[in-house]
Amino acid sequence: MRELSVFVDESGDFGEYDYHAPFYIITLVFHDQNVNIQEDLVKLETELSQIGWPNHCVHAGPIIRSEYEYKDFTIEERQKILKKLMTFTRKIDIKYQSICIEKKNISDSVEVIGKLSKQLANFIKNHIEYFLSFDSIKIYYDNGQVEVTRILSSVFNSLLDNVEFRKVLPSDYRLFQVADLICTLKLIELKMNKHVLSKSESIFFKDVRTIRKNYLKPLDDKEMK
C-alpha cells in the first residue's frame, strides 16, 4: 500500500482587495509515507530543545513579524527558530506546490474560489500519474477557511477516488508547519518581486540576496513543476 499525505496551508483571505494583502496562496506539501523522515524529525526536535523551544509549534509569519509568543525575543533568536525548520525542510524528501492569485481586479470571493479551483485542478491533471500511483491520499488541513475546505474537497474528489480528509491542529504535524513555512516564503517572494516587502520582513531577512539564497533557492528542487 502506498499512501500520500498532503498538508495544506493558506495565506490571505477571500475578502475585498487590500494593497496590504494583495495575494491569496494555497500551499500543498506532499509526503510519500514510504519515505521515512523519523531521523530528521528527531534531529529537529533535539535542535529546537537546544535553543530553548522544546515541542514548539513553529509559526513562520509571526516569527518574521515578531508577533504573539515571539514579540519579546530578539531577531537573532527568532532567526534561529526559522532556520531550524528551514534546514529540516531542505533535508527531507518532500514535494510541494503553491497556487496563487493576485486579488487586484478580481470582483468577489466567487471569482477567487473559481480561479484557485481551476489552478488546483490543472495541477492535479498535469500530475495525474503521480497521484494515481498511490492507493490512498490523505489531506490534512486545519479547516481554517471554509472556502479552502470546499476547494480541496470539490477538486480532489472530482478527479480522484482515493481521497480522505483529516482536520488537524498545526501543532500535530511538523509537515503542516513546513506547509506554513513554504506558504509564507512564497508570499515573501511575491511581495519581493513587487517591491512591497514590509519593514519587519526587510529587517528579518536583511536583503533580497539572503532571501533568494537561503530560503527560496533550497525549495526549487522540491517544487512540482
N, C-alpha and C. Protein backbone atom coordinates (compact mmCIF):
# COMPACT_ATOMS: atom_id res chain seq x y z
N MET A 1 0.84 -1.20 0.00
CA MET A 1 0.00 0.00 0.00
C MET A 1 0.88 1.25 0.00
N ARG A 2 0.59 2.16 -0.90
CA ARG A 2 1.29 3.44 -0.93
C ARG A 2 0.31 4.53 -0.49
N GLU A 3 0.76 5.32 0.45
CA GLU A 3 -0.09 6.38 0.98
C GLU A 3 0.60 7.73 0.80
N LEU A 4 -0.14 8.70 0.30
CA LEU A 4 0.37 10.06 0.14
C LEU A 4 -0.30 10.97 1.15
N SER A 5 0.51 11.65 1.93
CA SER A 5 -0.02 12.65 2.86
C SER A 5 0.14 14.03 2.23
N VAL A 6 -0.94 14.82 2.31
CA VAL A 6 -0.94 16.16 1.74
C VAL A 6 -1.27 17.15 2.85
N PHE A 7 -0.31 18.02 3.16
CA PHE A 7 -0.50 19.02 4.21
C PHE A 7 -0.74 20.38 3.56
N VAL A 8 -1.82 21.05 3.97
CA VAL A 8 -2.27 22.25 3.27
C VAL A 8 -2.30 23.45 4.20
N ASP A 9 -1.77 24.56 3.71
CA ASP A 9 -1.90 25.82 4.45
C ASP A 9 -2.19 26.94 3.45
N GLU A 10 -2.69 28.05 3.97
CA GLU A 10 -3.08 29.16 3.09
C GLU A 10 -2.57 30.48 3.64
N SER A 11 -2.50 31.47 2.77
CA SER A 11 -2.15 32.83 3.17
C SER A 11 -3.08 33.79 2.45
N GLY A 12 -3.71 34.68 3.22
CA GLY A 12 -4.62 35.64 2.63
C GLY A 12 -6.05 35.40 3.08
N ASP A 13 -6.97 36.12 2.47
CA ASP A 13 -8.38 35.95 2.79
C ASP A 13 -9.21 36.17 1.52
N PHE A 14 -10.48 35.85 1.62
CA PHE A 14 -11.37 35.92 0.46
C PHE A 14 -12.16 37.24 0.41
N GLY A 15 -11.74 38.19 1.23
CA GLY A 15 -12.41 39.49 1.23
C GLY A 15 -11.97 40.36 0.07
N GLU A 16 -12.36 41.62 0.12
CA GLU A 16 -12.03 42.55 -0.94
C GLU A 16 -10.53 42.81 -1.01
N TYR A 17 -10.09 43.27 -2.16
CA TYR A 17 -8.67 43.55 -2.37
C TYR A 17 -8.16 44.59 -1.38
N ASP A 18 -7.00 44.31 -0.82
CA ASP A 18 -6.33 45.22 0.09
C ASP A 18 -4.86 45.25 -0.30
N TYR A 19 -4.32 46.44 -0.54
CA TYR A 19 -2.94 46.51 -1.01
C TYR A 19 -1.95 46.01 0.04
N HIS A 20 -2.38 45.92 1.31
CA HIS A 20 -1.53 45.34 2.35
C HIS A 20 -1.47 43.81 2.23
N ALA A 21 -2.49 43.20 1.64
CA ALA A 21 -2.55 41.74 1.48
C ALA A 21 -3.11 41.43 0.10
N PRO A 22 -2.32 41.67 -0.95
CA PRO A 22 -2.84 41.58 -2.32
C PRO A 22 -2.94 40.17 -2.89
N PHE A 23 -2.33 39.18 -2.21
CA PHE A 23 -2.26 37.84 -2.78
C PHE A 23 -3.05 36.82 -1.96
N TYR A 24 -3.48 35.77 -2.65
CA TYR A 24 -4.03 34.61 -1.94
C TYR A 24 -3.23 33.39 -2.40
N ILE A 25 -2.76 32.63 -1.44
CA ILE A 25 -1.89 31.48 -1.73
C ILE A 25 -2.40 30.25 -1.00
N ILE A 26 -2.39 29.12 -1.70
CA ILE A 26 -2.63 27.82 -1.06
C ILE A 26 -1.41 26.96 -1.36
N THR A 27 -0.79 26.43 -0.32
CA THR A 27 0.40 25.58 -0.47
C THR A 27 0.07 24.16 -0.04
N LEU A 28 0.48 23.21 -0.87
CA LEU A 28 0.28 21.79 -0.58
C LEU A 28 1.64 21.11 -0.50
N VAL A 29 1.90 20.44 0.60
CA VAL A 29 3.14 19.68 0.79
C VAL A 29 2.82 18.19 0.70
N PHE A 30 3.55 17.47 -0.15
CA PHE A 30 3.28 16.06 -0.42
C PHE A 30 4.38 15.18 0.18
N HIS A 31 3.95 14.18 0.96
CA HIS A 31 4.91 13.26 1.57
C HIS A 31 4.48 11.82 1.33
N ASP A 32 5.30 11.09 0.61
CA ASP A 32 5.10 9.65 0.41
C ASP A 32 5.42 8.95 1.72
N GLN A 33 4.42 8.28 2.31
CA GLN A 33 4.61 7.67 3.61
C GLN A 33 5.62 6.51 3.60
N ASN A 34 6.00 6.04 2.42
CA ASN A 34 7.06 5.03 2.33
C ASN A 34 8.44 5.62 2.56
N VAL A 35 8.53 6.93 2.54
CA VAL A 35 9.79 7.61 2.78
C VAL A 35 9.88 7.98 4.25
N ASN A 36 10.81 7.39 4.95
CA ASN A 36 10.93 7.57 6.40
C ASN A 36 11.70 8.86 6.72
N ILE A 37 11.08 9.76 7.47
CA ILE A 37 11.74 11.00 7.86
C ILE A 37 11.91 11.08 9.37
N GLN A 38 11.77 9.96 10.05
CA GLN A 38 11.80 9.95 11.51
C GLN A 38 13.12 10.49 12.06
N GLU A 39 14.22 10.10 11.45
CA GLU A 39 15.52 10.56 11.94
C GLU A 39 15.63 12.09 11.86
N ASP A 40 15.11 12.65 10.77
CA ASP A 40 15.13 14.11 10.61
C ASP A 40 14.21 14.79 11.62
N LEU A 41 13.08 14.15 11.91
CA LEU A 41 12.16 14.70 12.90
C LEU A 41 12.80 14.74 14.28
N VAL A 42 13.46 13.65 14.65
CA VAL A 42 14.13 13.59 15.95
C VAL A 42 15.20 14.67 16.05
N LYS A 43 15.95 14.86 14.97
CA LYS A 43 17.00 15.88 14.97
C LYS A 43 16.41 17.27 15.13
N LEU A 44 15.29 17.53 14.44
CA LEU A 44 14.64 18.84 14.57
C LEU A 44 14.19 19.08 16.00
N GLU A 45 13.56 18.07 16.61
CA GLU A 45 13.08 18.23 17.98
C GLU A 45 14.25 18.49 18.93
N THR A 46 15.35 17.79 18.72
CA THR A 46 16.53 17.99 19.57
C THR A 46 17.09 19.39 19.42
N GLU A 47 17.19 19.87 18.19
CA GLU A 47 17.76 21.19 17.95
C GLU A 47 16.86 22.30 18.48
N LEU A 48 15.55 22.14 18.36
CA LEU A 48 14.65 23.14 18.93
C LEU A 48 14.75 23.17 20.46
N SER A 49 14.91 21.99 21.05
CA SER A 49 15.08 21.93 22.51
C SER A 49 16.37 22.61 22.94
N GLN A 50 17.42 22.44 22.15
CA GLN A 50 18.72 23.02 22.49
C GLN A 50 18.72 24.54 22.48
N ILE A 51 17.83 25.13 21.69
CA ILE A 51 17.76 26.59 21.67
C ILE A 51 16.59 27.11 22.51
N GLY A 52 16.02 26.22 23.33
CA GLY A 52 15.01 26.65 24.30
C GLY A 52 13.58 26.61 23.84
N TRP A 53 13.28 25.88 22.75
CA TRP A 53 11.91 25.80 22.24
C TRP A 53 11.47 24.34 22.08
N PRO A 54 11.44 23.56 23.15
CA PRO A 54 11.04 22.15 23.04
C PRO A 54 9.56 22.01 22.71
N ASN A 55 9.24 21.08 21.82
CA ASN A 55 7.86 20.79 21.44
C ASN A 55 7.11 22.03 20.95
N HIS A 56 7.83 22.93 20.34
CA HIS A 56 7.22 24.19 19.92
C HIS A 56 6.64 24.10 18.53
N CYS A 57 5.42 24.61 18.36
CA CYS A 57 4.79 24.69 17.04
C CYS A 57 5.27 25.97 16.36
N VAL A 58 6.04 25.81 15.30
CA VAL A 58 6.67 26.96 14.64
C VAL A 58 5.68 27.66 13.71
N HIS A 59 5.52 28.97 13.91
CA HIS A 59 4.64 29.79 13.06
C HIS A 59 5.50 30.81 12.33
N ALA A 60 5.73 30.59 11.05
CA ALA A 60 6.70 31.39 10.29
C ALA A 60 6.35 32.88 10.26
N GLY A 61 5.11 33.20 9.93
CA GLY A 61 4.71 34.60 9.81
C GLY A 61 4.93 35.39 11.09
N PRO A 62 4.40 34.94 12.23
CA PRO A 62 4.62 35.64 13.49
C PRO A 62 6.09 35.73 13.88
N ILE A 63 6.89 34.72 13.53
CA ILE A 63 8.33 34.81 13.81
C ILE A 63 8.93 35.99 13.07
N ILE A 64 8.62 36.12 11.79
CA ILE A 64 9.16 37.19 10.97
C ILE A 64 8.68 38.56 11.46
N ARG A 65 7.40 38.63 11.83
CA ARG A 65 6.81 39.92 12.23
C ARG A 65 6.95 40.23 13.72
N SER A 66 7.56 39.30 14.47
CA SER A 66 7.73 39.47 15.92
C SER A 66 6.39 39.65 16.62
N GLU A 67 5.48 38.70 16.37
CA GLU A 67 4.14 38.76 16.94
C GLU A 67 3.90 37.62 17.92
N TYR A 68 2.86 37.80 18.76
CA TYR A 68 2.38 36.77 19.67
C TYR A 68 3.51 36.29 20.59
N GLU A 69 3.76 34.99 20.63
CA GLU A 69 4.74 34.46 21.59
C GLU A 69 6.17 34.86 21.27
N TYR A 70 6.38 35.44 20.09
CA TYR A 70 7.74 35.82 19.69
C TYR A 70 8.05 37.30 19.94
N LYS A 71 7.12 38.06 20.44
CA LYS A 71 7.26 39.52 20.48
C LYS A 71 8.36 39.99 21.43
N ASP A 72 8.73 39.19 22.42
CA ASP A 72 9.74 39.62 23.38
C ASP A 72 11.12 39.03 23.09
N PHE A 73 11.27 38.41 21.92
CA PHE A 73 12.55 37.78 21.59
C PHE A 73 13.29 38.58 20.54
N THR A 74 14.61 38.49 20.58
CA THR A 74 15.45 39.23 19.63
C THR A 74 15.32 38.64 18.23
N ILE A 75 15.74 39.43 17.26
CA ILE A 75 15.69 38.95 15.88
C ILE A 75 16.60 37.74 15.69
N GLU A 76 17.72 37.71 16.40
CA GLU A 76 18.63 36.57 16.30
C GLU A 76 17.98 35.29 16.84
N GLU A 77 17.26 35.41 17.93
CA GLU A 77 16.57 34.25 18.50
C GLU A 77 15.48 33.75 17.56
N ARG A 78 14.75 34.69 16.97
CA ARG A 78 13.68 34.30 16.03
C ARG A 78 14.25 33.69 14.76
N GLN A 79 15.36 34.22 14.29
CA GLN A 79 16.00 33.67 13.10
C GLN A 79 16.47 32.24 13.34
N LYS A 80 16.96 31.95 14.54
CA LYS A 80 17.41 30.59 14.85
C LYS A 80 16.27 29.59 14.72
N ILE A 81 15.09 29.96 15.21
CA ILE A 81 13.95 29.05 15.14
C ILE A 81 13.59 28.75 13.69
N LEU A 82 13.48 29.82 12.89
CA LEU A 82 13.08 29.63 11.50
C LEU A 82 14.13 28.85 10.72
N LYS A 83 15.40 29.09 11.01
CA LYS A 83 16.47 28.38 10.32
C LYS A 83 16.45 26.88 10.63
N LYS A 84 16.07 26.52 11.84
CA LYS A 84 15.97 25.09 12.19
C LYS A 84 14.90 24.41 11.34
N LEU A 85 13.74 25.05 11.21
CA LEU A 85 12.67 24.46 10.40
C LEU A 85 13.06 24.48 8.93
N MET A 86 13.77 25.51 8.50
CA MET A 86 14.20 25.59 7.10
C MET A 86 15.19 24.49 6.78
N THR A 87 16.11 24.21 7.67
CA THR A 87 17.08 23.13 7.48
C THR A 87 16.37 21.79 7.38
N PHE A 88 15.42 21.57 8.26
CA PHE A 88 14.62 20.35 8.23
C PHE A 88 13.90 20.22 6.89
N THR A 89 13.28 21.30 6.44
CA THR A 89 12.55 21.30 5.17
C THR A 89 13.47 20.97 4.00
N ARG A 90 14.65 21.55 4.02
CA ARG A 90 15.61 21.34 2.94
C ARG A 90 16.08 19.88 2.86
N LYS A 91 16.22 19.23 4.00
CA LYS A 91 16.81 17.90 4.04
C LYS A 91 15.82 16.77 3.73
N ILE A 92 14.55 16.95 4.09
CA ILE A 92 13.61 15.83 3.94
C ILE A 92 13.13 15.68 2.51
N ASP A 93 12.69 14.48 2.18
CA ASP A 93 12.23 14.15 0.84
C ASP A 93 10.73 14.43 0.74
N ILE A 94 10.40 15.63 0.33
CA ILE A 94 9.01 16.03 0.12
C ILE A 94 8.90 16.75 -1.22
N LYS A 95 7.68 16.94 -1.68
CA LYS A 95 7.40 17.78 -2.83
C LYS A 95 6.35 18.80 -2.40
N TYR A 96 6.23 19.88 -3.16
CA TYR A 96 5.21 20.86 -2.82
C TYR A 96 4.75 21.59 -4.08
N GLN A 97 3.60 22.22 -3.95
CA GLN A 97 3.10 23.12 -4.99
C GLN A 97 2.32 24.24 -4.32
N SER A 98 2.53 25.46 -4.79
CA SER A 98 1.75 26.60 -4.32
C SER A 98 0.94 27.16 -5.49
N ILE A 99 -0.31 27.37 -5.26
CA ILE A 99 -1.15 28.05 -6.26
C ILE A 99 -1.50 29.41 -5.69
N CYS A 100 -1.48 30.42 -6.53
CA CYS A 100 -1.70 31.77 -6.00
C CYS A 100 -2.34 32.67 -7.04
N ILE A 101 -2.98 33.70 -6.54
CA ILE A 101 -3.57 34.74 -7.40
C ILE A 101 -3.32 36.09 -6.77
N GLU A 102 -3.27 37.11 -7.60
CA GLU A 102 -3.28 38.48 -7.10
C GLU A 102 -4.73 38.96 -7.16
N LYS A 103 -5.24 39.42 -6.05
CA LYS A 103 -6.66 39.74 -5.94
C LYS A 103 -7.06 41.04 -6.63
N LYS A 104 -6.08 41.81 -7.05
CA LYS A 104 -6.38 43.05 -7.75
C LYS A 104 -7.15 42.75 -9.03
N ASN A 105 -8.19 43.52 -9.28
CA ASN A 105 -9.04 43.36 -10.47
C ASN A 105 -9.91 42.10 -10.44
N ILE A 106 -10.00 41.43 -9.30
CA ILE A 106 -10.92 40.31 -9.13
C ILE A 106 -12.15 40.81 -8.38
N SER A 107 -13.31 40.51 -8.89
CA SER A 107 -14.53 41.17 -8.42
C SER A 107 -14.99 40.73 -7.04
N ASP A 108 -14.96 39.41 -6.76
CA ASP A 108 -15.50 38.93 -5.49
C ASP A 108 -14.91 37.57 -5.13
N SER A 109 -15.36 37.04 -3.98
CA SER A 109 -14.83 35.78 -3.48
C SER A 109 -15.16 34.60 -4.39
N VAL A 110 -16.28 34.68 -5.09
CA VAL A 110 -16.66 33.60 -6.02
C VAL A 110 -15.62 33.46 -7.12
N GLU A 111 -15.15 34.61 -7.62
CA GLU A 111 -14.12 34.58 -8.66
C GLU A 111 -12.80 34.06 -8.11
N VAL A 112 -12.47 34.43 -6.87
CA VAL A 112 -11.25 33.93 -6.24
C VAL A 112 -11.30 32.41 -6.13
N ILE A 113 -12.42 31.89 -5.63
CA ILE A 113 -12.58 30.44 -5.48
C ILE A 113 -12.48 29.75 -6.84
N GLY A 114 -13.11 30.33 -7.86
CA GLY A 114 -13.08 29.73 -9.19
C GLY A 114 -11.68 29.66 -9.76
N LYS A 115 -10.91 30.74 -9.62
CA LYS A 115 -9.56 30.77 -10.17
C LYS A 115 -8.63 29.80 -9.44
N LEU A 116 -8.74 29.74 -8.11
CA LEU A 116 -7.92 28.82 -7.34
C LEU A 116 -8.28 27.37 -7.65
N SER A 117 -9.58 27.10 -7.76
CA SER A 117 -10.04 25.74 -8.08
C SER A 117 -9.51 25.28 -9.43
N LYS A 118 -9.53 26.18 -10.40
CA LYS A 118 -9.04 25.85 -11.74
C LYS A 118 -7.55 25.56 -11.72
N GLN A 119 -6.79 26.37 -10.98
CA GLN A 119 -5.35 26.13 -10.88
C GLN A 119 -5.05 24.78 -10.24
N LEU A 120 -5.76 24.48 -9.16
CA LEU A 120 -5.54 23.21 -8.46
C LEU A 120 -5.91 22.03 -9.35
N ALA A 121 -7.03 22.14 -10.05
CA ALA A 121 -7.46 21.06 -10.94
C ALA A 121 -6.44 20.83 -12.05
N ASN A 122 -5.95 21.90 -12.65
CA ASN A 122 -4.95 21.77 -13.71
C ASN A 122 -3.67 21.14 -13.19
N PHE A 123 -3.27 21.51 -11.98
CA PHE A 123 -2.07 20.92 -11.38
C PHE A 123 -2.23 19.41 -11.21
N ILE A 124 -3.37 18.98 -10.66
CA ILE A 124 -3.60 17.55 -10.45
C ILE A 124 -3.65 16.81 -11.78
N LYS A 125 -4.32 17.37 -12.76
CA LYS A 125 -4.39 16.74 -14.08
C LYS A 125 -3.01 16.60 -14.71
N ASN A 126 -2.17 17.60 -14.53
CA ASN A 126 -0.82 17.56 -15.10
C ASN A 126 0.08 16.54 -14.41
N HIS A 127 -0.31 16.13 -13.21
CA HIS A 127 0.49 15.15 -12.46
C HIS A 127 -0.36 13.94 -12.08
N ILE A 128 -1.34 13.62 -12.91
CA ILE A 128 -2.31 12.58 -12.55
C ILE A 128 -1.66 11.22 -12.33
N GLU A 129 -0.62 10.89 -13.10
CA GLU A 129 0.04 9.60 -12.91
C GLU A 129 0.68 9.51 -11.53
N TYR A 130 1.22 10.60 -11.06
CA TYR A 130 1.81 10.63 -9.72
C TYR A 130 0.74 10.33 -8.67
N PHE A 131 -0.39 11.01 -8.75
CA PHE A 131 -1.44 10.82 -7.75
C PHE A 131 -2.07 9.43 -7.85
N LEU A 132 -2.22 8.92 -9.07
CA LEU A 132 -2.81 7.59 -9.24
C LEU A 132 -1.89 6.47 -8.80
N SER A 133 -0.62 6.78 -8.58
CA SER A 133 0.33 5.75 -8.13
C SER A 133 0.15 5.41 -6.65
N PHE A 134 -0.69 6.20 -5.96
CA PHE A 134 -0.92 5.96 -4.53
C PHE A 134 -2.26 5.27 -4.32
N ASP A 135 -2.28 4.34 -3.37
CA ASP A 135 -3.52 3.65 -3.03
C ASP A 135 -4.44 4.53 -2.18
N SER A 136 -3.82 5.42 -1.43
CA SER A 136 -4.59 6.29 -0.54
C SER A 136 -3.96 7.67 -0.50
N ILE A 137 -4.81 8.70 -0.53
CA ILE A 137 -4.35 10.08 -0.41
C ILE A 137 -5.09 10.71 0.76
N LYS A 138 -4.33 11.16 1.77
CA LYS A 138 -4.93 11.78 2.95
C LYS A 138 -4.54 13.25 3.00
N ILE A 139 -5.54 14.10 3.06
CA ILE A 139 -5.32 15.54 3.04
C ILE A 139 -5.53 16.10 4.43
N TYR A 140 -4.50 16.77 4.93
CA TYR A 140 -4.52 17.32 6.28
C TYR A 140 -4.63 18.84 6.21
N TYR A 141 -5.71 19.35 6.79
CA TYR A 141 -5.95 20.80 6.80
C TYR A 141 -6.64 21.15 8.11
N ASP A 142 -6.38 22.36 8.60
CA ASP A 142 -6.97 22.75 9.89
C ASP A 142 -8.36 23.37 9.76
N ASN A 143 -8.90 23.35 8.51
CA ASN A 143 -10.22 23.95 8.25
C ASN A 143 -10.26 25.42 8.65
N GLY A 144 -9.12 26.09 8.49
CA GLY A 144 -9.03 27.49 8.89
C GLY A 144 -9.95 28.40 8.09
N GLN A 145 -10.16 28.09 6.82
CA GLN A 145 -11.06 28.88 5.99
C GLN A 145 -11.97 27.91 5.22
N VAL A 146 -13.26 28.10 5.39
CA VAL A 146 -14.22 27.17 4.82
C VAL A 146 -14.11 27.13 3.29
N GLU A 147 -13.74 28.26 2.68
CA GLU A 147 -13.61 28.29 1.23
C GLU A 147 -12.51 27.34 0.75
N VAL A 148 -11.42 27.28 1.51
CA VAL A 148 -10.32 26.37 1.14
C VAL A 148 -10.76 24.92 1.28
N THR A 149 -11.48 24.63 2.35
CA THR A 149 -12.00 23.27 2.54
C THR A 149 -12.88 22.87 1.36
N ARG A 150 -13.71 23.77 0.89
CA ARG A 150 -14.59 23.48 -0.25
C ARG A 150 -13.79 23.27 -1.52
N ILE A 151 -12.77 24.10 -1.74
CA ILE A 151 -11.93 23.95 -2.93
C ILE A 151 -11.24 22.58 -2.92
N LEU A 152 -10.62 22.23 -1.80
CA LEU A 152 -9.91 20.95 -1.70
C LEU A 152 -10.86 19.78 -1.92
N SER A 153 -12.00 19.82 -1.28
CA SER A 153 -12.95 18.72 -1.37
C SER A 153 -13.49 18.56 -2.78
N SER A 154 -13.93 19.66 -3.38
CA SER A 154 -14.54 19.57 -4.70
C SER A 154 -13.54 19.14 -5.76
N VAL A 155 -12.34 19.70 -5.73
CA VAL A 155 -11.35 19.40 -6.77
C VAL A 155 -10.78 18.00 -6.62
N PHE A 156 -10.32 17.65 -5.44
CA PHE A 156 -9.72 16.33 -5.24
C PHE A 156 -10.74 15.22 -5.46
N ASN A 157 -11.94 15.40 -4.93
CA ASN A 157 -12.95 14.34 -5.06
C ASN A 157 -13.46 14.19 -6.48
N SER A 158 -13.40 15.26 -7.26
CA SER A 158 -13.87 15.17 -8.64
C SER A 158 -12.86 14.47 -9.55
N LEU A 159 -11.59 14.48 -9.15
CA LEU A 159 -10.54 13.93 -10.02
C LEU A 159 -9.94 12.62 -9.51
N LEU A 160 -10.12 12.33 -8.22
CA LEU A 160 -9.51 11.13 -7.63
C LEU A 160 -10.53 10.41 -6.76
N ASP A 161 -10.40 9.08 -6.68
CA ASP A 161 -11.37 8.27 -5.94
C ASP A 161 -10.87 7.82 -4.57
N ASN A 162 -9.62 8.09 -4.27
CA ASN A 162 -9.00 7.50 -3.07
C ASN A 162 -8.57 8.56 -2.06
N VAL A 163 -9.42 9.58 -1.87
CA VAL A 163 -9.05 10.73 -1.05
C VAL A 163 -9.80 10.71 0.28
N GLU A 164 -9.07 10.98 1.36
CA GLU A 164 -9.65 11.16 2.68
C GLU A 164 -9.22 12.52 3.22
N PHE A 165 -10.07 13.12 4.06
CA PHE A 165 -9.74 14.43 4.63
C PHE A 165 -9.64 14.32 6.15
N ARG A 166 -8.59 14.93 6.69
CA ARG A 166 -8.36 14.91 8.12
C ARG A 166 -8.21 16.34 8.64
N LYS A 167 -9.02 16.71 9.62
CA LYS A 167 -8.86 18.01 10.26
C LYS A 167 -7.79 17.88 11.33
N VAL A 168 -6.81 18.81 11.30
CA VAL A 168 -5.70 18.72 12.24
C VAL A 168 -5.43 20.07 12.87
N LEU A 169 -4.63 20.05 13.92
CA LEU A 169 -4.08 21.26 14.52
C LEU A 169 -2.67 21.44 13.99
N PRO A 170 -2.23 22.69 13.77
CA PRO A 170 -0.86 22.90 13.28
C PRO A 170 0.20 22.26 14.16
N SER A 171 -0.07 22.17 15.45
CA SER A 171 0.91 21.58 16.38
C SER A 171 1.02 20.07 16.25
N ASP A 172 0.08 19.45 15.54
CA ASP A 172 0.06 17.99 15.45
C ASP A 172 1.14 17.43 14.53
N TYR A 173 1.52 18.18 13.50
CA TYR A 173 2.42 17.65 12.47
C TYR A 173 3.46 18.69 12.08
N ARG A 174 4.73 18.29 12.10
CA ARG A 174 5.78 19.19 11.64
C ARG A 174 5.61 19.51 10.15
N LEU A 175 5.08 18.57 9.36
CA LEU A 175 4.92 18.84 7.94
C LEU A 175 3.83 19.88 7.68
N PHE A 176 2.90 20.01 8.60
CA PHE A 176 1.94 21.10 8.49
C PHE A 176 2.65 22.43 8.70
N GLN A 177 3.59 22.45 9.62
CA GLN A 177 4.38 23.65 9.86
C GLN A 177 5.31 23.94 8.69
N VAL A 178 5.75 22.90 8.00
CA VAL A 178 6.53 23.09 6.77
C VAL A 178 5.66 23.75 5.71
N ALA A 179 4.42 23.31 5.59
CA ALA A 179 3.49 23.93 4.63
C ALA A 179 3.30 25.41 4.96
N ASP A 180 3.19 25.71 6.24
CA ASP A 180 3.06 27.11 6.69
C ASP A 180 4.31 27.90 6.31
N LEU A 181 5.49 27.31 6.51
CA LEU A 181 6.74 27.97 6.17
C LEU A 181 6.83 28.26 4.67
N ILE A 182 6.55 27.25 3.86
CA ILE A 182 6.64 27.43 2.41
C ILE A 182 5.62 28.46 1.93
N CYS A 183 4.42 28.40 2.47
CA CYS A 183 3.38 29.37 2.10
C CYS A 183 3.85 30.79 2.43
N THR A 184 4.45 30.96 3.59
CA THR A 184 4.96 32.27 3.99
C THR A 184 6.08 32.73 3.08
N LEU A 185 6.98 31.82 2.70
CA LEU A 185 8.09 32.18 1.83
C LEU A 185 7.63 32.50 0.41
N LYS A 186 6.58 31.81 -0.06
CA LYS A 186 6.03 32.15 -1.38
C LYS A 186 5.43 33.55 -1.35
N LEU A 187 4.79 33.91 -0.25
CA LEU A 187 4.25 35.26 -0.12
C LEU A 187 5.38 36.29 -0.11
N ILE A 188 6.46 35.98 0.62
CA ILE A 188 7.62 36.86 0.65
C ILE A 188 8.18 37.04 -0.75
N GLU A 189 8.26 35.95 -1.52
CA GLU A 189 8.78 36.03 -2.89
C GLU A 189 7.90 36.92 -3.77
N LEU A 190 6.60 36.75 -3.68
CA LEU A 190 5.69 37.57 -4.48
C LEU A 190 5.81 39.04 -4.11
N LYS A 191 5.87 39.33 -2.82
CA LYS A 191 5.99 40.72 -2.38
C LYS A 191 7.34 41.31 -2.76
N MET A 192 8.38 40.47 -2.67
CA MET A 192 9.72 40.93 -3.03
C MET A 192 9.77 41.31 -4.51
N ASN A 193 9.16 40.49 -5.36
CA ASN A 193 9.15 40.76 -6.79
C ASN A 193 8.36 42.02 -7.14
N LYS A 194 7.41 42.35 -6.26
CA LYS A 194 6.62 43.57 -6.47
C LYS A 194 7.21 44.77 -5.71
N HIS A 195 8.32 44.52 -5.00
CA HIS A 195 8.99 45.56 -4.22
C HIS A 195 8.07 46.14 -3.14
N VAL A 196 7.33 45.24 -2.47
CA VAL A 196 6.41 45.71 -1.43
C VAL A 196 6.62 44.95 -0.11
N LEU A 197 7.86 44.54 0.15
CA LEU A 197 8.14 43.90 1.44
C LEU A 197 7.87 44.88 2.57
N SER A 198 7.32 44.36 3.67
CA SER A 198 7.07 45.21 4.83
C SER A 198 8.39 45.52 5.53
N LYS A 199 8.34 46.48 6.44
CA LYS A 199 9.53 46.85 7.20
C LYS A 199 10.05 45.67 8.01
N SER A 200 9.14 44.94 8.66
CA SER A 200 9.55 43.80 9.50
C SER A 200 10.16 42.69 8.66
N GLU A 201 9.63 42.48 7.46
CA GLU A 201 10.18 41.45 6.57
C GLU A 201 11.57 41.84 6.09
N SER A 202 11.74 43.09 5.74
CA SER A 202 13.05 43.57 5.28
C SER A 202 14.10 43.48 6.38
N ILE A 203 13.71 43.79 7.60
CA ILE A 203 14.64 43.72 8.73
C ILE A 203 15.00 42.28 9.02
N PHE A 204 14.02 41.39 9.01
CA PHE A 204 14.27 39.99 9.38
C PHE A 204 15.22 39.32 8.39
N PHE A 205 14.99 39.51 7.09
CA PHE A 205 15.78 38.83 6.07
C PHE A 205 17.01 39.62 5.62
N LYS A 206 17.09 40.88 5.99
CA LYS A 206 18.24 41.75 5.72
C LYS A 206 18.32 42.23 4.28
N ASP A 207 18.32 41.31 3.31
CA ASP A 207 18.40 41.74 1.92
C ASP A 207 17.82 40.67 1.01
N VAL A 208 17.58 41.06 -0.24
CA VAL A 208 16.97 40.15 -1.23
C VAL A 208 17.87 38.95 -1.50
N ARG A 209 19.17 39.16 -1.54
CA ARG A 209 20.11 38.07 -1.80
C ARG A 209 19.98 36.97 -0.76
N THR A 210 19.83 37.35 0.51
CA THR A 210 19.67 36.37 1.59
C THR A 210 18.39 35.57 1.42
N ILE A 211 17.32 36.25 1.05
CA ILE A 211 16.04 35.56 0.84
C ILE A 211 16.18 34.52 -0.27
N ARG A 212 16.76 34.93 -1.38
CA ARG A 212 16.89 34.01 -2.51
C ARG A 212 17.82 32.85 -2.21
N LYS A 213 18.98 33.13 -1.66
CA LYS A 213 19.99 32.11 -1.44
C LYS A 213 19.63 31.14 -0.32
N ASN A 214 19.18 31.65 0.80
CA ASN A 214 18.98 30.81 1.99
C ASN A 214 17.58 30.25 2.15
N TYR A 215 16.60 30.84 1.46
CA TYR A 215 15.22 30.40 1.68
C TYR A 215 14.52 29.94 0.40
N LEU A 216 14.64 30.68 -0.67
CA LEU A 216 13.90 30.33 -1.89
C LEU A 216 14.61 29.29 -2.73
N LYS A 217 15.90 29.45 -2.96
CA LYS A 217 16.63 28.51 -3.80
C LYS A 217 16.58 27.07 -3.28
N PRO A 218 16.70 26.84 -1.96
CA PRO A 218 16.62 25.46 -1.45
C PRO A 218 15.28 24.77 -1.73
N LEU A 219 14.24 25.55 -2.04
CA LEU A 219 12.93 24.97 -2.31
C LEU A 219 12.76 24.58 -3.77
N ASP A 220 13.64 25.05 -4.64
CA ASP A 220 13.48 24.85 -6.08
C ASP A 220 13.30 23.38 -6.46
N ASP A 221 14.17 22.53 -5.91
CA ASP A 221 14.14 21.11 -6.30
C ASP A 221 12.93 20.37 -5.75
N LYS A 222 12.25 20.96 -4.80
CA LYS A 222 11.11 20.30 -4.17
C LYS A 222 9.78 20.66 -4.80
N GLU A 223 9.80 21.69 -5.64
CA GLU A 223 8.56 22.14 -6.26
C GLU A 223 8.18 21.23 -7.42
N MET A 224 6.92 20.83 -7.46
CA MET A 224 6.39 20.04 -8.58
C MET A 224 6.01 20.99 -9.69
N LYS A 225 6.79 21.01 -10.74
CA LYS A 225 6.58 21.96 -11.84
C LYS A 225 5.36 21.57 -12.67
